[in-house]
Structure formats: C-alpha cells, structure tokens
Amino acid sequence: MIDQMQGLIEMNGKLERMMDGIESVKEKQVEMAEGIDKIKEAVYNPDEGIYARLKELESWKTTSSKLIWMIVTSIIGLSTALIGKIFFVSF
C-alpha cells in the first residue's frame, strides 16, 4: 500500500513536470506565431513591405540605367563631333 502511494506521488510529480513543459512549449509557440505574423506583415505589406521596396529599387535601377546610357551616348557624340571639328576644320 505504501509502495503504491509512493508510486502515485512520483507519477503525480512527473505529470506536473510534464504539464509545466507542455505549458512552456505553448507559450513559446504563441511567441513564434506572433513573430511570424510580424515577418509576414513586413514582407507582404503593399506600401512598406520588402516587395514594395524591391519594386521601387527595380524601377529606380531601370530609370537610372536609361539616364546613364543617355549621358554616355551624349558624351561620345559630343566628343566625336569635337574631334571631327578639330581635325577637319584645322586642315
């Protein structure tokens, strides 16, 4: 009888520890879910999310690339015209 009581007490203690562990896991799971929600909001927010920023950067890159090519082409054209004027007018 005493052995059974001791066994039940030990089992009760083990069950309590297991319940504490499960409760801790539940709390961590809630924290993780909140963190994932924040990540989703940061990524998918249409106005300030990462995708919106990437679209803005791609647009800027395209525009600046076109502008750079226009400037380079203009410089090459002006240089060619200047060299041509110097050589052909000098002779």
PDB file of N, CA and C in Angstrom:
ATOM      1  N   MET A   1       0.815  -1.185   0.000  1.00  0.00           N
ATOM      2  CA  MET A   1       0.000   0.000   0.000  1.00  0.00           C
ATOM      3  C   MET A   1       0.871   1.267   0.000  1.00  0.00           C
ATOM      4  N   ILE A   2       1.908   1.273   0.844  1.00  0.00           N
ATOM      5  CA  ILE A   2       2.798   2.436   0.921  1.00  0.00           C
ATOM      6  C   ILE A   2       3.568   2.578  -0.387  1.00  0.00           C
ATOM      7  N   ASP A   3       3.964   1.442  -0.965  1.00  0.00           N
ATOM      8  CA  ASP A   3       4.681   1.485  -2.246  1.00  0.00           C
ATOM      9  C   ASP A   3       3.789   2.067  -3.341  1.00  0.00           C
ATOM     10  N   GLN A   4       2.523   1.710  -3.309  1.00  0.00           N
ATOM     11  CA  GLN A   4       1.584   2.249  -4.306  1.00  0.00           C
ATOM     12  C   GLN A   4       1.413   3.756  -4.128  1.00  0.00           C
ATOM     13  N   MET A   5       1.347   4.184  -2.889  1.00  0.00           N
ATOM     14  CA  MET A   5       1.201   5.618  -2.612  1.00  0.00           C
ATOM     15  C   MET A   5       2.442   6.381  -3.089  1.00  0.00           C
ATOM     16  N   GLN A   6       3.612   5.828  -2.808  1.00  0.00           N
ATOM     17  CA  GLN A   6       4.837   6.465  -3.258  1.00  0.00           C
ATOM     18  C   GLN A   6       4.892   6.498  -4.792  1.00  0.00           C
ATOM     19  N   GLY A   7       4.473   5.425  -5.417  1.00  0.00           N
ATOM     20  CA  GLY A   7       4.435   5.363  -6.883  1.00  0.00           C
ATOM     21  C   GLY A   7       3.496   6.421  -7.447  1.00  0.00           C
ATOM     22  N   LEU A   8       2.332   6.572  -6.815  1.00  0.00           N
ATOM     23  CA  LEU A   8       1.364   7.573  -7.274  1.00  0.00           C
ATOM     24  C   LEU A   8       1.896   8.990  -7.069  1.00  0.00           C
ATOM     25  N   ILE A   9       2.575   9.216  -5.965  1.00  0.00           N
ATOM     26  CA  ILE A   9       3.141  10.533  -5.691  1.00  0.00           C
ATOM     27  C   ILE A   9       4.235  10.849  -6.723  1.00  0.00           C
ATOM     28  N   GLU A  10       5.097   9.866  -7.003  1.00  0.00           N
ATOM     29  CA  GLU A  10       6.150  10.071  -8.008  1.00  0.00           C
ATOM     30  C   GLU A  10       5.538  10.340  -9.380  1.00  0.00           C
ATOM     31  N   MET A  11       4.501   9.575  -9.725  1.00  0.00           N
ATOM     32  CA  MET A  11       3.841   9.753 -11.017  1.00  0.00           C
ATOM     33  C   MET A  11       3.185  11.125 -11.100  1.00  0.00           C
ATOM     34  N   ASN A  12       2.583  11.554  -9.985  1.00  0.00           N
ATOM     35  CA  ASN A  12       1.950  12.871  -9.948  1.00  0.00           C
ATOM     36  C   ASN A  12       2.991  13.966 -10.161  1.00  0.00           C
ATOM     37  N   GLY A  13       4.150  13.823  -9.527  1.00  0.00           N
ATOM     38  CA  GLY A  13       5.225  14.797  -9.705  1.00  0.00           C
ATOM     39  C   GLY A  13       5.720  14.833 -11.150  1.00  0.00           C
ATOM     40  N   LYS A  14       5.848  13.656 -11.740  1.00  0.00           N
ATOM     41  CA  LYS A  14       6.290  13.583 -13.138  1.00  0.00           C
ATOM     42  C   LYS A  14       5.249  14.196 -14.067  1.00  0.00           C
ATOM     43  N   LEU A  15       3.985  13.948 -13.794  1.00  0.00           N
ATOM     44  CA  LEU A  15       2.916  14.530 -14.605  1.00  0.00           C
ATOM     45  C   LEU A  15       2.907  16.056 -14.494  1.00  0.00           C
ATOM     46  N   GLU A  16       3.139  16.556 -13.282  1.00  0.00           N
ATOM     47  CA  GLU A  16       3.189  18.011 -13.094  1.00  0.00           C
ATOM     48  C   GLU A  16       4.349  18.620 -13.883  1.00  0.00           C
ATOM     49  N   ARG A  17       5.522  17.962 -13.855  1.00  0.00           N
ATOM     50  CA  ARG A  17       6.663  18.452 -14.620  1.00  0.00           C
ATOM     51  C   ARG A  17       6.364  18.420 -16.112  1.00  0.00           C
ATOM     52  N   MET A  18       5.693  17.349 -16.560  1.00  0.00           N
ATOM     53  CA  MET A  18       5.345  17.249 -17.967  1.00  0.00           C
ATOM     54  C   MET A  18       4.345  18.342 -18.353  1.00  0.00           C
ATOM     55  N   MET A  19       3.389  18.639 -17.508  1.00  0.00           N
ATOM     56  CA  MET A  19       2.415  19.694 -17.777  1.00  0.00           C
ATOM     57  C   MET A  19       3.104  21.057 -17.817  1.00  0.00           C
ATOM     58  N   ASP A  20       4.076  21.270 -16.922  1.00  0.00           N
ATOM     59  CA  ASP A  20       4.846  22.523 -16.955  1.00  0.00           C
ATOM     60  C   ASP A  20       5.601  22.650 -18.274  1.00  0.00           C
ATOM     61  N   GLY A  21       6.178  21.542 -18.731  1.00  0.00           N
ATOM     62  CA  GLY A  21       6.888  21.538 -20.004  1.00  0.00           C
ATOM     63  C   GLY A  21       5.954  21.843 -21.164  1.00  0.00           C
ATOM     64  N   ILE A  22       4.782  21.250 -21.153  1.00  0.00           N
ATOM     65  CA  ILE A  22       3.799  21.500 -22.214  1.00  0.00           C
ATOM     66  C   ILE A  22       3.363  22.957 -22.191  1.00  0.00           C
ATOM     67  N   GLU A  23       3.162  23.504 -21.022  1.00  0.00           N
ATOM     68  CA  GLU A  23       2.764  24.911 -20.904  1.00  0.00           C
ATOM     69  C   GLU A  23       3.855  25.821 -21.447  1.00  0.00           C
ATOM     70  N   SER A  24       5.102  25.481 -21.175  1.00  0.00           N
ATOM     71  CA  SER A  24       6.232  26.268 -21.693  1.00  0.00           C
ATOM     72  C   SER A  24       6.271  26.206 -23.220  1.00  0.00           C
ATOM     73  N   VAL A  25       6.026  25.025 -23.774  1.00  0.00           N
ATOM     74  CA  VAL A  25       6.001  24.869 -25.228  1.00  0.00           C
ATOM     75  C   VAL A  25       4.871  25.700 -25.828  1.00  0.00           C
ATOM     76  N   LYS A  26       3.715  25.718 -25.180  1.00  0.00           N
ATOM     77  CA  LYS A  26       2.589  26.522 -25.665  1.00  0.00           C
ATOM     78  C   LYS A  26       2.947  28.002 -25.698  1.00  0.00           C
ATOM     79  N   GLU A  27       3.602  28.476 -24.638  1.00  0.00           N
ATOM     80  CA  GLU A  27       3.993  29.888 -24.579  1.00  0.00           C
ATOM     81  C   GLU A  27       4.982  30.224 -25.702  1.00  0.00           C
ATOM     82  N   LYS A  28       5.952  29.358 -25.924  1.00  0.00           N
ATOM     83  CA  LYS A  28       6.937  29.587 -26.989  1.00  0.00           C
ATOM     84  C   LYS A  28       6.261  29.550 -28.360  1.00  0.00           C
ATOM     85  N   GLN A  29       5.283  28.684 -28.521  1.00  0.00           N
ATOM     86  CA  GLN A  29       4.568  28.587 -29.789  1.00  0.00           C
ATOM     87  C   GLN A  29       3.791  29.874 -30.060  1.00  0.00           C
ATOM     88  N   VAL A  30       3.193  30.451 -29.032  1.00  0.00           N
ATOM     89  CA  VAL A  30       2.471  31.715 -29.189  1.00  0.00           C
ATOM     90  C   VAL A  30       3.454  32.820 -29.589  1.00  0.00           C
ATOM     91  N   GLU A  31       4.627  32.872 -28.947  1.00  0.00           N
ATOM     92  CA  GLU A  31       5.644  33.864 -29.289  1.00  0.00           C
ATOM     93  C   GLU A  31       6.094  33.705 -30.743  1.00  0.00           C
ATOM     94  N   MET A  32       6.303  32.451 -31.174  1.00  0.00           N
ATOM     95  CA  MET A  32       6.716  32.206 -32.545  1.00  0.00           C
ATOM     96  C   MET A  32       5.635  32.641 -33.528  1.00  0.00           C
ATOM     97  N   ALA A  33       4.386  32.368 -33.213  1.00  0.00           N
ATOM     98  CA  ALA A  33       3.284  32.761 -34.093  1.00  0.00           C
ATOM     99  C   ALA A  33       3.223  34.281 -34.227  1.00  0.00           C
ATOM    100  N   GLU A  34       3.427  34.994 -33.130  1.00  0.00           N
ATOM    101  CA  GLU A  34       3.440  36.460 -33.186  1.00  0.00           C
ATOM    102  C   GLU A  34       4.614  36.957 -34.037  1.00  0.00           C
ATOM    103  N   GLY A  35       5.768  36.329 -33.873  1.00  0.00           N
ATOM    104  CA  GLY A  35       6.932  36.705 -34.674  1.00  0.00           C
ATOM    105  C   GLY A  35       6.700  36.458 -36.155  1.00  0.00           C
ATOM    106  N   ILE A  36       6.097  35.339 -36.495  1.00  0.00           N
ATOM    107  CA  ILE A  36       5.802  35.020 -37.891  1.00  0.00           C
ATOM    108  C   ILE A  36       4.812  36.021 -38.459  1.00  0.00           C
ATOM    109  N   ASP A  37       3.825  36.415 -37.678  1.00  0.00           N
ATOM    110  CA  ASP A  37       2.870  37.434 -38.136  1.00  0.00           C
ATOM    111  C   ASP A  37       3.582  38.749 -38.452  1.00  0.00           C
ATOM    112  N   LYS A  38       4.532  39.136 -37.610  1.00  0.00           N
ATOM    113  CA  LYS A  38       5.285  40.366 -37.858  1.00  0.00           C
ATOM    114  C   LYS A  38       6.124  40.254 -39.125  1.00  0.00           C
ATOM    115  N   ILE A  39       6.723  39.091 -39.346  1.00  0.00           N
ATOM    116  CA  ILE A  39       7.521  38.873 -40.558  1.00  0.00           C
ATOM    117  C   ILE A  39       6.634  38.946 -41.793  1.00  0.00           C
ATOM    118  N   LYS A  40       5.473  38.308 -41.737  1.00  0.00           N
ATOM    119  CA  LYS A  40       4.542  38.358 -42.867  1.00  0.00           C
ATOM    120  C   LYS A  40       4.141  39.795 -43.171  1.00  0.00           C
ATOM    121  N   GLU A  41       3.859  40.556 -42.136  1.00  0.00           N
ATOM    122  CA  GLU A  41       3.464  41.951 -42.330  1.00  0.00           C
ATOM    123  C   GLU A  41       4.594  42.749 -42.965  1.00  0.00           C
ATOM    124  N   ALA A  42       5.819  42.515 -42.513  1.00  0.00           N
ATOM    125  CA  ALA A  42       6.963  43.245 -43.061  1.00  0.00           C
ATOM    126  C   ALA A  42       7.210  42.883 -44.520  1.00  0.00           C
ATOM    127  N   VAL A  43       6.981  41.630 -44.871  1.00  0.00           N
ATOM    128  CA  VAL A  43       7.257  41.181 -46.227  1.00  0.00           C
ATOM    129  C   VAL A  43       6.135  41.574 -47.186  1.00  0.00           C
ATOM    130  N   TYR A  44       4.907  41.342 -46.785  1.00  0.00           N
ATOM    131  CA  TYR A  44       3.794  41.477 -47.719  1.00  0.00           C
ATOM    132  C   TYR A  44       3.030  42.795 -47.630  1.00  0.00           C
ATOM    133  N   ASN A  45       3.405  43.683 -46.736  1.00  0.00           N
ATOM    134  CA  ASN A  45       2.708  44.966 -46.642  1.00  0.00           C
ATOM    135  C   ASN A  45       2.852  45.684 -47.980  1.00  0.00           C
ATOM    136  N   PRO A  46       1.744  46.000 -48.651  1.00  0.00           N
ATOM    137  CA  PRO A  46       1.838  46.542 -50.013  1.00  0.00           C
ATOM    138  C   PRO A  46       2.478  47.928 -50.089  1.00  0.00           C
ATOM    139  N   ASP A  47       2.463  48.692 -49.026  1.00  0.00           N
ATOM    140  CA  ASP A  47       3.010  50.043 -49.080  1.00  0.00           C
ATOM    141  C   ASP A  47       4.446  50.126 -48.585  1.00  0.00           C
ATOM    142  N   GLU A  48       4.770  49.365 -47.565  1.00  0.00           N
ATOM    143  CA  GLU A  48       6.089  49.484 -46.943  1.00  0.00           C
ATOM    144  C   GLU A  48       6.845  48.168 -46.855  1.00  0.00           C
ATOM    145  N   GLY A  49       6.281  47.092 -47.393  1.00  0.00           N
ATOM    146  CA  GLY A  49       6.915  45.783 -47.280  1.00  0.00           C
ATOM    147  C   GLY A  49       8.142  45.641 -48.156  1.00  0.00           C
ATOM    148  N   ILE A  50       8.789  44.516 -48.023  1.00  0.00           N
ATOM    149  CA  ILE A  50      10.014  44.258 -48.775  1.00  0.00           C
ATOM    150  C   ILE A  50       9.729  44.220 -50.269  1.00  0.00           C
ATOM    151  N   TYR A  51       8.605  43.616 -50.667  1.00  0.00           N
ATOM    152  CA  TYR A  51       8.285  43.557 -52.091  1.00  0.00           C
ATOM    153  C   TYR A  51       8.085  44.959 -52.667  1.00  0.00           C
ATOM    154  N   ALA A  52       7.440  45.827 -51.923  1.00  0.00           N
ATOM    155  CA  ALA A  52       7.244  47.203 -52.395  1.00  0.00           C
ATOM    156  C   ALA A  52       8.587  47.907 -52.540  1.00  0.00           C
ATOM    157  N   ARG A  53       9.482  47.687 -51.601  1.00  0.00           N
ATOM    158  CA  ARG A  53      10.812  48.306 -51.673  1.00  0.00           C
ATOM    159  C   ARG A  53      11.597  47.772 -52.868  1.00  0.00           C
ATOM    160  N   LEU A  54      11.489  46.460 -53.114  1.00  0.00           N
ATOM    161  CA  LEU A  54      12.194  45.877 -54.249  1.00  0.00           C
ATOM    162  C   LEU A  54      11.669  46.429 -55.572  1.00  0.00           C
ATOM    163  N   LYS A  55      10.356  46.575 -55.682  1.00  0.00           N
ATOM    164  CA  LYS A  55       9.777  47.158 -56.897  1.00  0.00           C
ATOM    165  C   LYS A  55      10.292  48.578 -57.103  1.00  0.00           C
ATOM    166  N   GLU A  56      10.351  49.339 -56.022  1.00  0.00           N
ATOM    167  CA  GLU A  56      10.841  50.713 -56.105  1.00  0.00           C
ATOM    168  C   GLU A  56      12.307  50.743 -56.543  1.00  0.00           C
ATOM    169  N   LEU A  57      13.124  49.849 -55.988  1.00  0.00           N
ATOM    170  CA  LEU A  57      14.535  49.791 -56.369  1.00  0.00           C
ATOM    171  C   LEU A  57      14.705  49.372 -57.827  1.00  0.00           C
ATOM    172  N   GLU A  58      13.909  48.399 -58.271  1.00  0.00           N
ATOM    173  CA  GLU A  58      13.992  47.969 -59.664  1.00  0.00           C
ATOM    174  C   GLU A  58      13.592  49.102 -60.598  1.00  0.00           C
ATOM    175  N   SER A  59      12.571  49.836 -60.238  1.00  0.00           N
ATOM    176  CA  SER A  59      12.139  50.973 -61.048  1.00  0.00           C
ATOM    177  C   SER A  59      13.238  52.033 -61.104  1.00  0.00           C
ATOM    178  N   TRP A  60      13.838  52.326 -59.968  1.00  0.00           N
ATOM    179  CA  TRP A  60      14.917  53.310 -59.912  1.00  0.00           C
ATOM    180  C   TRP A  60      16.102  52.840 -60.744  1.00  0.00           C
ATOM    181  N   LYS A  61      16.420  51.547 -60.653  1.00  0.00           N
ATOM    182  CA  LYS A  61      17.548  50.997 -61.393  1.00  0.00           C
ATOM    183  C   LYS A  61      17.310  51.136 -62.893  1.00  0.00           C
ATOM    184  N   THR A  62      16.117  50.837 -63.352  1.00  0.00           N
ATOM    185  CA  THR A  62      15.797  50.946 -64.771  1.00  0.00           C
ATOM    186  C   THR A  62      15.908  52.391 -65.238  1.00  0.00           C
ATOM    187  N   THR A  63      15.344  53.303 -64.465  1.00  0.00           N
ATOM    188  CA  THR A  63      15.383  54.718 -64.828  1.00  0.00           C
ATOM    189  C   THR A  63      16.816  55.243 -64.841  1.00  0.00           C
ATOM    190  N   SER A  64      17.576  54.928 -63.811  1.00  0.00           N
ATOM    191  CA  SER A  64      18.955  55.424 -63.744  1.00  0.00           C
ATOM    192  C   SER A  64      19.806  54.801 -64.834  1.00  0.00           C
ATOM    193  N   SER A  65      19.561  53.555 -65.178  1.00  0.00           N
ATOM    194  CA  SER A  65      20.314  52.903 -66.245  1.00  0.00           C
ATOM    195  C   SER A  65      20.053  53.599 -67.582  1.00  0.00           C
ATOM    196  N   LYS A  66      18.809  53.924 -67.853  1.00  0.00           N
ATOM    197  CA  LYS A  66      18.481  54.650 -69.088  1.00  0.00           C
ATOM    198  C   LYS A  66      19.159  56.019 -69.102  1.00  0.00           C
ATOM    199  N   LEU A  67      19.124  56.706 -67.986  1.00  0.00           N
ATOM    200  CA  LEU A  67      19.737  58.025 -67.887  1.00  0.00           C
ATOM    201  C   LEU A  67      21.248  57.955 -68.108  1.00  0.00           C
ATOM    202  N   ILE A  68      21.886  56.973 -67.522  1.00  0.00           N
ATOM    203  CA  ILE A  68      23.338  56.809 -67.688  1.00  0.00           C
ATOM    204  C   ILE A  68      23.673  56.547 -69.151  1.00  0.00           C
ATOM    205  N   TRP A  69      22.910  55.693 -69.809  1.00  0.00           N
ATOM    206  CA  TRP A  69      23.164  55.418 -71.223  1.00  0.00           C
ATOM    207  C   TRP A  69      22.973  56.678 -72.080  1.00  0.00           C
ATOM    208  N   MET A  70      21.963  57.471 -71.746  1.00  0.00           N
ATOM    209  CA  MET A  70      21.767  58.720 -72.481  1.00  0.00           C
ATOM    210  C   MET A  70      22.948  59.658 -72.301  1.00  0.00           C
ATOM    211  N   ILE A  71      23.451  59.783 -71.096  1.00  0.00           N
ATOM    212  CA  ILE A  71      24.587  60.658 -70.811  1.00  0.00           C
ATOM    213  C   ILE A  71      25.840  60.160 -71.525  1.00  0.00           C
ATOM    214  N   VAL A  72      26.095  58.854 -71.440  1.00  0.00           N
ATOM    215  CA  VAL A  72      27.279  58.287 -72.091  1.00  0.00           C
ATOM    216  C   VAL A  72      27.196  58.489 -73.606  1.00  0.00           C
ATOM    217  N   THR A  73      26.042  58.233 -74.186  1.00  0.00           N
ATOM    218  CA  THR A  73      25.872  58.417 -75.627  1.00  0.00           C
ATOM    219  C   THR A  73      26.069  59.874 -76.012  1.00  0.00           C
ATOM    220  N   SER A  74      25.539  60.782 -75.209  1.00  0.00           N
ATOM    221  CA  SER A  74      25.719  62.212 -75.495  1.00  0.00           C
ATOM    222  C   SER A  74      27.182  62.615 -75.424  1.00  0.00           C
ATOM    223  N   ILE A  75      27.893  62.140 -74.425  1.00  0.00           N
ATOM    224  CA  ILE A  75      29.319  62.465 -74.278  1.00  0.00           C
ATOM    225  C   ILE A  75      30.109  61.917 -75.465  1.00  0.00           C
ATOM    226  N   ILE A  76      29.817  60.686 -75.864  1.00  0.00           N
ATOM    227  CA  ILE A  76      30.525  60.097 -77.009  1.00  0.00           C
ATOM    228  C   ILE A  76      30.211  60.898 -78.280  1.00  0.00           C
ATOM    229  N   GLY A  77      28.944  61.261 -78.461  1.00  0.00           N
ATOM    230  CA  GLY A  77      28.568  62.041 -79.638  1.00  0.00           C
ATOM    231  C   GLY A  77      29.236  63.413 -79.654  1.00  0.00           C
ATOM    232  N   LEU A  78      29.229  64.099 -78.519  1.00  0.00           N
ATOM    233  CA  LEU A  78      29.879  65.411 -78.441  1.00  0.00           C
ATOM    234  C   LEU A  78      31.385  65.308 -78.650  1.00  0.00           C
ATOM    235  N   SER A  79      31.983  64.278 -78.080  1.00  0.00           N
ATOM    236  CA  SER A  79      33.431  64.076 -78.250  1.00  0.00           C
ATOM    237  C   SER A  79      33.757  63.817 -79.710  1.00  0.00           C
ATOM    238  N   THR A  80      32.976  62.981 -80.351  1.00  0.00           N
ATOM    239  CA  THR A  80      33.193  62.679 -81.759  1.00  0.00           C
ATOM    240  C   THR A  80      33.026  63.942 -82.604  1.00  0.00           C
ATOM    241  N   ALA A  81      32.001  64.733 -82.323  1.00  0.00           N
ATOM    242  CA  ALA A  81      31.782  65.970 -83.073  1.00  0.00           C
ATOM    243  C   ALA A  81      32.930  66.946 -82.851  1.00  0.00           C
ATOM    244  N   LEU A  82      33.405  67.059 -81.621  1.00  0.00           N
ATOM    245  CA  LEU A  82      34.508  67.966 -81.318  1.00  0.00           C
ATOM    246  C   LEU A  82      35.790  67.529 -82.013  1.00  0.00           C
ATOM    247  N   ILE A  83      36.088  66.233 -81.959  1.00  0.00           N
ATOM    248  CA  ILE A  83      37.294  65.717 -82.618  1.00  0.00           C
ATOM    249  C   ILE A  83      37.177  65.923 -84.129  1.00  0.00           C
ATOM    250  N   GLY A  84      36.018  65.638 -84.665  1.00  0.00           N
ATOM    251  CA  GLY A  84      35.813  65.839 -86.107  1.00  0.00           C
ATOM    252  C   GLY A  84      35.968  67.297 -86.485  1.00  0.00           C
ATOM    253  N   LYS A  85      35.443  68.184 -85.705  1.00  0.00           N
ATOM    254  CA  LYS A  85      35.548  69.619 -85.992  1.00  0.00           C
ATOM    255  C   LYS A  85      37.000  70.083 -85.913  1.00  0.00           C
ATOM    256  N   ILE A  86      37.730  69.597 -84.910  1.00  0.00           N
ATOM    257  CA  ILE A  86      39.133  69.995 -84.735  1.00  0.00           C
ATOM    258  C   ILE A  86      39.968  69.518 -85.917  1.00  0.00           C
ATOM    259  N   PHE A  87      39.820  68.252 -86.309  1.00  0.00           N
ATOM    260  CA  PHE A  87      40.635  67.709 -87.393  1.00  0.00           C
ATOM    261  C   PHE A  87      40.223  68.234 -88.762  1.00  0.00           C
ATOM    262  N   PHE A  88      38.941  68.354 -89.026  1.00  0.00           N
ATOM    263  CA  PHE A  88      38.505  68.747 -90.364  1.00  0.00           C
ATOM    264  C   PHE A  88      38.565  70.258 -90.579  1.00  0.00           C
ATOM    265  N   VAL A  89      38.416  71.032 -89.540  1.00  0.00           N
ATOM    266  CA  VAL A  89      38.482  72.465 -89.674  1.00  0.00           C
ATOM    267  C   VAL A  89      39.952  72.908 -89.714  1.00  0.00           C
ATOM    268  N   SER A  90      40.814  72.192 -89.026  1.00  0.00           N
ATOM    269  CA  SER A  90      42.234  72.564 -88.973  1.00  0.00           C
ATOM    270  C   SER A  90      42.889  72.413 -90.331  1.00  0.00           C
ATOM    271  N   PHE A  91      42.496  71.463 -91.103  1.00  0.00           N
ATOM    272  CA  PHE A  91      43.167  71.218 -92.375  1.00  0.00           C
ATOM    273  C   PHE A  91      42.602  72.049 -93.436  1.00  0.00           C
TER     274      PHE A  91
END
